[in-house]
């Protein structure tokens, strides 16, 4: 495999850390989905533009199912370009409201609507079945996890980073659901939040450089980009 030219800050996240935090995030998301408020507001607009609560829940399910499909897929071809997952993840970043009409975001809404239309009880049951299947497969990994996975754009990314990208989807959209229906608890797992922050800051470093990220964190008067906002 070949590697893209992007400068990639190293990570100390291991497969075990990523998998354990991901599984914890799905347990947390199940509690959010099972709340009475989510079911009661299923057809109401969420805090995300153009999406109902049910659509957000549907997208959360689909973003999790991608991991199961990656476990079933074969290894990337030898000539696949290996890319930074944190940097690739930033391609979904909103610049302005017009970005909502990009195919990527229309697809998220359409697919979320398709799953959400099945109703709260069905989506919750499907999510529970999915997370239990993933736990069984990932708890019995014994060194069998892939090192890289192939994305839809035919680039290969680190499996560990891909797992972290999935827990980001789970935690962020779980929080969207909580904000949409007025839930204050439960709090997401600290392990998942910690890996999510590390991953997103890595993406900012790769995109804008360490000095700009440092300025974003400490000196707004010298910051020249919006480097830390990942999505």
C-alpha atoms as a PDB file:
ATOM      1  CA  UNK A   1       0.000   0.000   0.000  1.00  0.00           C
ATOM      2  CA  UNK A   2       1.084   3.575  -0.590  1.00  0.00           C
ATOM      3  CA  UNK A   3       0.705   6.410   1.890  1.00  0.00           C
ATOM      4  CA  UNK A   4      -0.807   9.825   1.189  1.00  0.00           C
ATOM      5  CA  UNK A   5       1.406  12.909   1.492  1.00  0.00           C
ATOM      6  CA  UNK A   6      -0.494  14.264   4.512  1.00  0.00           C
ATOM      7  CA  UNK A   7       1.587  14.725   7.642  1.00  0.00           C
ATOM      8  CA  UNK A   8       0.099  12.393  10.195  1.00  0.00           C
ATOM      9  CA  UNK A   9       0.688  13.005  13.922  1.00  0.00           C
ATOM     10  CA  UNK A  10       1.152   9.694  15.667  1.00  0.00           C
ATOM     11  CA  UNK A  11      -1.424   8.168  17.976  1.00  0.00           C
ATOM     12  CA  UNK A  12      -0.958   5.883  20.955  1.00  0.00           C
ATOM     13  CA  UNK A  13      -4.508   4.568  20.767  1.00  0.00           C
ATOM     14  CA  UNK A  14      -4.552   0.765  20.582  1.00  0.00           C
ATOM     15  CA  UNK A  15      -7.117  -1.576  19.076  1.00  0.00           C
ATOM     16  CA  UNK A  16      -8.169  -2.648  22.561  1.00  0.00           C
ATOM     17  CA  UNK A  17      -8.664   0.941  23.747  1.00  0.00           C
ATOM     18  CA  UNK A  18     -10.648   1.864  20.656  1.00  0.00           C
ATOM     19  CA  UNK A  19     -12.828  -1.247  20.723  1.00  0.00           C
ATOM     20  CA  UNK A  20     -13.551  -1.013  24.455  1.00  0.00           C
ATOM     21  CA  UNK A  21     -14.481   2.669  24.175  1.00  0.00           C
ATOM     22  CA  UNK A  22     -16.633   1.988  21.109  1.00  0.00           C
ATOM     23  CA  UNK A  23     -18.555  -0.765  22.893  1.00  0.00           C
ATOM     24  CA  UNK A  24     -19.045   1.509  25.907  1.00  0.00           C
ATOM     25  CA  UNK A  25     -20.394   4.209  23.588  1.00  0.00           C
ATOM     26  CA  UNK A  26     -22.971   1.841  22.080  1.00  0.00           C
ATOM     27  CA  UNK A  27     -24.141   0.808  25.555  1.00  0.00           C
ATOM     28  CA  UNK A  28     -24.602   4.476  26.388  1.00  0.00           C
ATOM     29  CA  UNK A  29     -26.398   5.204  23.114  1.00  0.00           C
ATOM     30  CA  UNK A  30     -28.795   2.336  23.811  1.00  0.00           C
ATOM     31  CA  UNK A  31     -29.829   4.041  27.050  1.00  0.00           C
ATOM     32  CA  UNK A  32     -30.459   7.276  25.164  1.00  0.00           C
ATOM     33  CA  UNK A  33     -32.485   5.547  22.452  1.00  0.00           C
ATOM     34  CA  UNK A  34     -34.538   3.657  25.021  1.00  0.00           C
ATOM     35  CA  UNK A  35     -35.602   6.810  26.846  1.00  0.00           C
ATOM     36  CA  UNK A  36     -39.291   7.650  26.770  1.00  0.00           C
ATOM     37  CA  UNK A  37     -38.508  11.135  25.479  1.00  0.00           C
ATOM     38  CA  UNK A  38     -36.881   9.837  22.288  1.00  0.00           C
ATOM     39  CA  UNK A  39     -39.915   7.711  21.439  1.00  0.00           C
ATOM     40  CA  UNK A  40     -42.315  10.538  22.267  1.00  0.00           C
ATOM     41  CA  UNK A  41     -40.461  13.023  20.005  1.00  0.00           C
ATOM     42  CA  UNK A  42     -39.589  10.552  17.232  1.00  0.00           C
ATOM     43  CA  UNK A  43     -41.356  12.513  14.488  1.00  0.00           C
ATOM     44  CA  UNK A  44     -40.419  15.969  15.817  1.00  0.00           C
ATOM     45  CA  UNK A  45     -37.628  18.080  14.381  1.00  0.00           C
ATOM     46  CA  UNK A  46     -34.249  17.522  15.997  1.00  0.00           C
ATOM     47  CA  UNK A  47     -31.482  20.038  16.664  1.00  0.00           C
ATOM     48  CA  UNK A  48     -29.991  19.061  13.275  1.00  0.00           C
ATOM     49  CA  UNK A  49     -31.321  21.013  10.316  1.00  0.00           C
ATOM     50  CA  UNK A  50     -33.720  19.026   8.172  1.00  0.00           C
ATOM     51  CA  UNK A  51     -33.706  15.943  10.405  1.00  0.00           C
ATOM     52  CA  UNK A  52     -36.297  14.576  12.781  1.00  0.00           C
ATOM     53  CA  UNK A  53     -35.358  12.740  15.956  1.00  0.00           C
ATOM     54  CA  UNK A  54     -36.134   9.478  14.182  1.00  0.00           C
ATOM     55  CA  UNK A  55     -33.842  10.394  11.284  1.00  0.00           C
ATOM     56  CA  UNK A  56     -30.962  11.096  13.668  1.00  0.00           C
ATOM     57  CA  UNK A  57     -31.555   7.768  15.395  1.00  0.00           C
ATOM     58  CA  UNK A  58     -31.632   6.043  12.016  1.00  0.00           C
ATOM     59  CA  UNK A  59     -28.337   7.632  11.036  1.00  0.00           C
ATOM     60  CA  UNK A  60     -26.785   6.597  14.361  1.00  0.00           C
ATOM     61  CA  UNK A  61     -27.780   3.002  13.641  1.00  0.00           C
ATOM     62  CA  UNK A  62     -26.360   3.109  10.114  1.00  0.00           C
ATOM     63  CA  UNK A  63     -23.104   4.748  11.225  1.00  0.00           C
ATOM     64  CA  UNK A  64     -22.651   1.885  13.686  1.00  0.00           C
ATOM     65  CA  UNK A  65     -23.569  -0.826  11.179  1.00  0.00           C
ATOM     66  CA  UNK A  66     -20.721   0.290   8.930  1.00  0.00           C
ATOM     67  CA  UNK A  67     -18.283  -1.260  11.407  1.00  0.00           C
ATOM     68  CA  UNK A  68     -19.975  -4.654  11.155  1.00  0.00           C
ATOM     69  CA  UNK A  69     -19.750  -4.462   7.388  1.00  0.00           C
ATOM     70  CA  UNK A  70     -16.063  -3.604   7.561  1.00  0.00           C
ATOM     71  CA  UNK A  71     -15.451  -6.677   9.698  1.00  0.00           C
ATOM     72  CA  UNK A  72     -17.066  -8.769   6.958  1.00  0.00           C
ATOM     73  CA  UNK A  73     -15.111  -7.138   4.135  1.00  0.00           C
ATOM     74  CA  UNK A  74     -11.829  -8.435   2.832  1.00  0.00           C
ATOM     75  CA  UNK A  75      -8.527  -6.565   3.181  1.00  0.00           C
ATOM     76  CA  UNK A  76      -7.840  -3.518   1.009  1.00  0.00           C
ATOM     77  CA  UNK A  77      -6.028  -4.234  -2.272  1.00  0.00           C
ATOM     78  CA  UNK A  78      -2.226  -3.903  -2.212  1.00  0.00           C
ATOM     79  CA  UNK A  79      -2.308  -0.727  -4.314  1.00  0.00           C
ATOM     80  CA  UNK A  80      -4.802   1.112  -2.089  1.00  0.00           C
ATOM     81  CA  UNK A  81      -3.626   4.520  -0.884  1.00  0.00           C
ATOM     82  CA  UNK A  82      -3.427   4.638   2.924  1.00  0.00           C
ATOM     83  CA  UNK A  83      -4.981   7.865   4.171  1.00  0.00           C
ATOM     84  CA  UNK A  84      -5.332   9.591   7.512  1.00  0.00           C
ATOM     85  CA  UNK A  85      -8.812   8.863   8.900  1.00  0.00           C
ATOM     86  CA  UNK A  86      -8.910  12.030  11.066  1.00  0.00           C
ATOM     87  CA  UNK A  87      -8.136  14.126   7.992  1.00  0.00           C
ATOM     88  CA  UNK A  88     -10.635  12.252   5.815  1.00  0.00           C
ATOM     89  CA  UNK A  89     -13.301  12.695   8.477  1.00  0.00           C
ATOM     90  CA  UNK A  90     -13.095  16.467   8.117  1.00  0.00           C
ATOM     91  CA  UNK A  91     -14.510  16.254   4.597  1.00  0.00           C
ATOM     92  CA  UNK A  92     -17.957  16.201   6.169  1.00  0.00           C
ATOM     93  CA  UNK A  93     -17.270  19.624   7.699  1.00  0.00           C
ATOM     94  CA  UNK A  94     -19.910  22.309   7.164  1.00  0.00           C
ATOM     95  CA  UNK A  95     -18.664  25.624   5.801  1.00  0.00           C
ATOM     96  CA  UNK A  96     -22.075  27.226   5.263  1.00  0.00           C
ATOM     97  CA  UNK A  97     -25.756  26.275   5.126  1.00  0.00           C
ATOM     98  CA  UNK A  98     -25.536  25.498   1.419  1.00  0.00           C
ATOM     99  CA  UNK A  99     -23.433  22.445   2.317  1.00  0.00           C
ATOM    100  CA  UNK A 100     -26.616  20.775   3.543  1.00  0.00           C
ATOM    101  CA  UNK A 101     -27.491  20.202  -0.106  1.00  0.00           C
ATOM    102  CA  UNK A 102     -24.286  18.357  -0.921  1.00  0.00           C
ATOM    103  CA  UNK A 103     -24.869  14.751  -1.915  1.00  0.00           C
ATOM    104  CA  UNK A 104     -23.074  13.519   1.197  1.00  0.00           C
ATOM    105  CA  UNK A 105     -25.466  15.293   3.531  1.00  0.00           C
ATOM    106  CA  UNK A 106     -28.579  14.588   1.467  1.00  0.00           C
ATOM    107  CA  UNK A 107     -27.631  10.929   1.624  1.00  0.00           C
ATOM    108  CA  UNK A 108     -27.345  11.070   5.414  1.00  0.00           C
ATOM    109  CA  UNK A 109     -30.833  12.563   5.666  1.00  0.00           C
ATOM    110  CA  UNK A 110     -32.385  10.175   3.151  1.00  0.00           C
ATOM    111  CA  UNK A 111     -30.856   7.067   4.698  1.00  0.00           C
ATOM    112  CA  UNK A 112     -31.695   8.228   8.218  1.00  0.00           C
ATOM    113  CA  UNK A 113     -35.285   8.874   7.135  1.00  0.00           C
ATOM    114  CA  UNK A 114     -35.535   5.398   5.589  1.00  0.00           C
ATOM    115  CA  UNK A 115     -34.457   3.691   8.815  1.00  0.00           C
ATOM    116  CA  UNK A 116     -36.276   6.102  11.118  1.00  0.00           C
ATOM    117  CA  UNK A 117     -39.556   5.484   9.266  1.00  0.00           C
ATOM    118  CA  UNK A 118     -39.586   1.999  10.787  1.00  0.00           C
ATOM    119  CA  UNK A 119     -40.449   3.577  14.137  1.00  0.00           C
ATOM    120  CA  UNK A 120     -38.752   3.857  17.496  1.00  0.00           C
ATOM    121  CA  UNK A 121     -39.400   0.310  18.695  1.00  0.00           C
ATOM    122  CA  UNK A 122     -37.983  -1.295  15.553  1.00  0.00           C
ATOM    123  CA  UNK A 123     -34.900   0.937  15.364  1.00  0.00           C
ATOM    124  CA  UNK A 124     -34.134   0.430  19.063  1.00  0.00           C
ATOM    125  CA  UNK A 125     -34.464  -3.347  18.658  1.00  0.00           C
ATOM    126  CA  UNK A 126     -32.220  -3.340  15.581  1.00  0.00           C
ATOM    127  CA  UNK A 127     -29.615  -1.236  17.353  1.00  0.00           C
ATOM    128  CA  UNK A 128     -29.624  -3.552  20.383  1.00  0.00           C
ATOM    129  CA  UNK A 129     -29.203  -6.600  18.147  1.00  0.00           C
ATOM    130  CA  UNK A 130     -26.383  -4.897  16.244  1.00  0.00           C
ATOM    131  CA  UNK A 131     -24.439  -3.793  19.303  1.00  0.00           C
ATOM    132  CA  UNK A 132     -24.729  -7.244  20.895  1.00  0.00           C
ATOM    133  CA  UNK A 133     -23.472  -8.875  17.700  1.00  0.00           C
ATOM    134  CA  UNK A 134     -20.569  -6.434  17.551  1.00  0.00           C
ATOM    135  CA  UNK A 135     -19.705  -7.085  21.193  1.00  0.00           C
ATOM    136  CA  UNK A 136     -19.588 -10.828  20.558  1.00  0.00           C
ATOM    137  CA  UNK A 137     -17.337 -10.402  17.547  1.00  0.00           C
ATOM    138  CA  UNK A 138     -15.054  -7.776  19.057  1.00  0.00           C
ATOM    139  CA  UNK A 139     -14.747  -9.401  22.491  1.00  0.00           C
ATOM    140  CA  UNK A 140     -13.401 -12.536  20.798  1.00  0.00           C
ATOM    141  CA  UNK A 141     -10.932 -10.740  18.578  1.00  0.00           C
ATOM    142  CA  UNK A 142      -7.740 -12.621  19.663  1.00  0.00           C
ATOM    143  CA  UNK A 143      -5.523 -10.660  17.298  1.00  0.00           C
ATOM    144  CA  UNK A 144      -7.792 -11.238  14.306  1.00  0.00           C
ATOM    145  CA  UNK A 145      -8.848  -7.636  13.737  1.00  0.00           C
ATOM    146  CA  UNK A 146      -7.779  -6.089  10.422  1.00  0.00           C
ATOM    147  CA  UNK A 147      -4.975  -3.540  10.401  1.00  0.00           C
ATOM    148  CA  UNK A 148      -6.595  -1.396   7.709  1.00  0.00           C
ATOM    149  CA  UNK A 149     -10.027  -1.122   6.117  1.00  0.00           C
ATOM    150  CA  UNK A 150     -11.152   0.124   2.718  1.00  0.00           C
ATOM    151  CA  UNK A 151     -13.429   3.163   2.648  1.00  0.00           C
ATOM    152  CA  UNK A 152     -16.050   3.917  -0.017  1.00  0.00           C
ATOM    153  CA  UNK A 153     -13.642   6.264  -1.776  1.00  0.00           C
ATOM    154  CA  UNK A 154     -11.206   3.325  -2.181  1.00  0.00           C
ATOM    155  CA  UNK A 155      -8.662   4.670   0.284  1.00  0.00           C
ATOM    156  CA  UNK A 156      -7.429   2.507   3.139  1.00  0.00           C
ATOM    157  CA  UNK A 157      -7.397   3.766   6.722  1.00  0.00           C
ATOM    158  CA  UNK A 158      -6.218   2.430  10.062  1.00  0.00           C
ATOM    159  CA  UNK A 159      -8.754   0.047  11.605  1.00  0.00           C
ATOM    160  CA  UNK A 160      -8.164   1.601  15.022  1.00  0.00           C
ATOM    161  CA  UNK A 161      -8.895   5.075  13.690  1.00  0.00           C
ATOM    162  CA  UNK A 162     -11.950   3.774  11.845  1.00  0.00           C
ATOM    163  CA  UNK A 163     -13.339   2.352  15.094  1.00  0.00           C
ATOM    164  CA  UNK A 164     -12.763   5.723  16.781  1.00  0.00           C
ATOM    165  CA  UNK A 165     -14.617   7.451  13.941  1.00  0.00           C
ATOM    166  CA  UNK A 166     -17.583   5.171  14.655  1.00  0.00           C
ATOM    167  CA  UNK A 167     -17.620   5.970  18.369  1.00  0.00           C
ATOM    168  CA  UNK A 168     -17.544   9.660  17.445  1.00  0.00           C
ATOM    169  CA  UNK A 169     -20.683   9.123  15.367  1.00  0.00           C
ATOM    170  CA  UNK A 170     -22.339   7.285  18.240  1.00  0.00           C
ATOM    171  CA  UNK A 171     -21.464   9.848  20.915  1.00  0.00           C
ATOM    172  CA  UNK A 172     -22.084  12.966  18.823  1.00  0.00           C
ATOM    173  CA  UNK A 173     -25.442  11.798  17.500  1.00  0.00           C
ATOM    174  CA  UNK A 174     -26.415  10.396  20.869  1.00  0.00           C
ATOM    175  CA  UNK A 175     -25.790  13.873  22.232  1.00  0.00           C
ATOM    176  CA  UNK A 176     -27.848  15.328  19.359  1.00  0.00           C
ATOM    177  CA  UNK A 177     -30.735  13.109  20.445  1.00  0.00           C
ATOM    178  CA  UNK A 178     -30.386  14.191  24.063  1.00  0.00           C
ATOM    179  CA  UNK A 179     -30.361  17.859  23.085  1.00  0.00           C
ATOM    180  CA  UNK A 180     -33.348  17.335  20.782  1.00  0.00           C
ATOM    181  CA  UNK A 181     -35.605  15.794  23.424  1.00  0.00           C
ATOM    182  CA  UNK A 182     -34.359  17.544  26.579  1.00  0.00           C
ATOM    183  CA  UNK A 183     -32.402  14.711  28.191  1.00  0.00           C
ATOM    184  CA  UNK A 184     -29.687  15.680  30.688  1.00  0.00           C
ATOM    185  CA  UNK A 185     -28.493  12.170  31.490  1.00  0.00           C
ATOM    186  CA  UNK A 186     -26.890   9.708  30.978  1.00  0.00           C
ATOM    187  CA  UNK A 187     -23.434  11.177  30.397  1.00  0.00           C
ATOM    188  CA  UNK A 188     -21.378   9.585  27.614  1.00  0.00           C
ATOM    189  CA  UNK A 189     -18.442   7.369  28.644  1.00  0.00           C
ATOM    190  CA  UNK A 190     -15.257   9.354  29.413  1.00  0.00           C
ATOM    191  CA  UNK A 191     -13.177   6.785  27.508  1.00  0.00           C
ATOM    192  CA  UNK A 192     -15.148   7.419  24.324  1.00  0.00           C
ATOM    193  CA  UNK A 193     -15.096  11.191  24.746  1.00  0.00           C
ATOM    194  CA  UNK A 194     -11.353  11.167  25.357  1.00  0.00           C
ATOM    195  CA  UNK A 195     -10.574   9.198  22.201  1.00  0.00           C
ATOM    196  CA  UNK A 196     -12.997  11.350  20.211  1.00  0.00           C
ATOM    197  CA  UNK A 197     -11.258  14.558  21.299  1.00  0.00           C
ATOM    198  CA  UNK A 198      -7.825  13.098  20.534  1.00  0.00           C
ATOM    199  CA  UNK A 199      -8.947  11.985  17.071  1.00  0.00           C
ATOM    200  CA  UNK A 200     -10.552  15.323  16.182  1.00  0.00           C
ATOM    201  CA  UNK A 201      -7.562  17.330  17.400  1.00  0.00           C
ATOM    202  CA  UNK A 202      -5.297  15.109  15.308  1.00  0.00           C
ATOM    203  CA  UNK A 203      -7.415  15.991  12.287  1.00  0.00           C
ATOM    204  CA  UNK A 204      -7.055  19.698  13.068  1.00  0.00           C
ATOM    205  CA  UNK A 205      -3.277  19.337  13.433  1.00  0.00           C
ATOM    206  CA  UNK A 206      -3.004  17.529  10.116  1.00  0.00           C
ATOM    207  CA  UNK A 207      -5.165  20.094   8.337  1.00  0.00           C
ATOM    208  CA  UNK A 208      -3.937  23.369   9.807  1.00  0.00           C
ATOM    209  CA  UNK A 209      -0.646  22.554  11.526  1.00  0.00           C
ATOM    210  CA  UNK A 210       0.350  22.511  15.166  1.00  0.00           C
ATOM    211  CA  UNK A 211       1.024  26.233  15.498  1.00  0.00           C
ATOM    212  CA  UNK A 212      -2.434  27.178  14.251  1.00  0.00           C
ATOM    213  CA  UNK A 213      -4.074  24.668  16.577  1.00  0.00           C
ATOM    214  CA  UNK A 214      -2.020  26.048  19.465  1.00  0.00           C
ATOM    215  CA  UNK A 215      -3.198  29.554  18.610  1.00  0.00           C
ATOM    216  CA  UNK A 216      -6.798  28.360  18.407  1.00  0.00           C
ATOM    217  CA  UNK A 217      -6.425  26.951  21.902  1.00  0.00           C
ATOM    218  CA  UNK A 218      -4.604  29.877  23.478  1.00  0.00           C
ATOM    219  CA  UNK A 219      -4.536  33.062  21.387  1.00  0.00           C
ATOM    220  CA  UNK A 220      -7.713  33.897  19.485  1.00  0.00           C
ATOM    221  CA  UNK A 221      -6.285  37.258  18.429  1.00  0.00           C
ATOM    222  CA  UNK A 222      -3.614  35.421  16.379  1.00  0.00           C
ATOM    223  CA  UNK A 223      -5.736  32.522  15.142  1.00  0.00           C
ATOM    224  CA  UNK A 224      -6.428  32.740  11.418  1.00  0.00           C
ATOM    225  CA  UNK A 225      -8.488  29.618  10.809  1.00  0.00           C
ATOM    226  CA  UNK A 226     -11.390  27.751  12.363  1.00  0.00           C
ATOM    227  CA  UNK A 227      -9.106  24.721  12.723  1.00  0.00           C
ATOM    228  CA  UNK A 228     -10.663  23.074  15.750  1.00  0.00           C
ATOM    229  CA  UNK A 229     -14.193  22.723  14.406  1.00  0.00           C
ATOM    230  CA  UNK A 230     -14.198  19.306  12.792  1.00  0.00           C
ATOM    231  CA  UNK A 231     -17.786  19.060  11.508  1.00  0.00           C
END
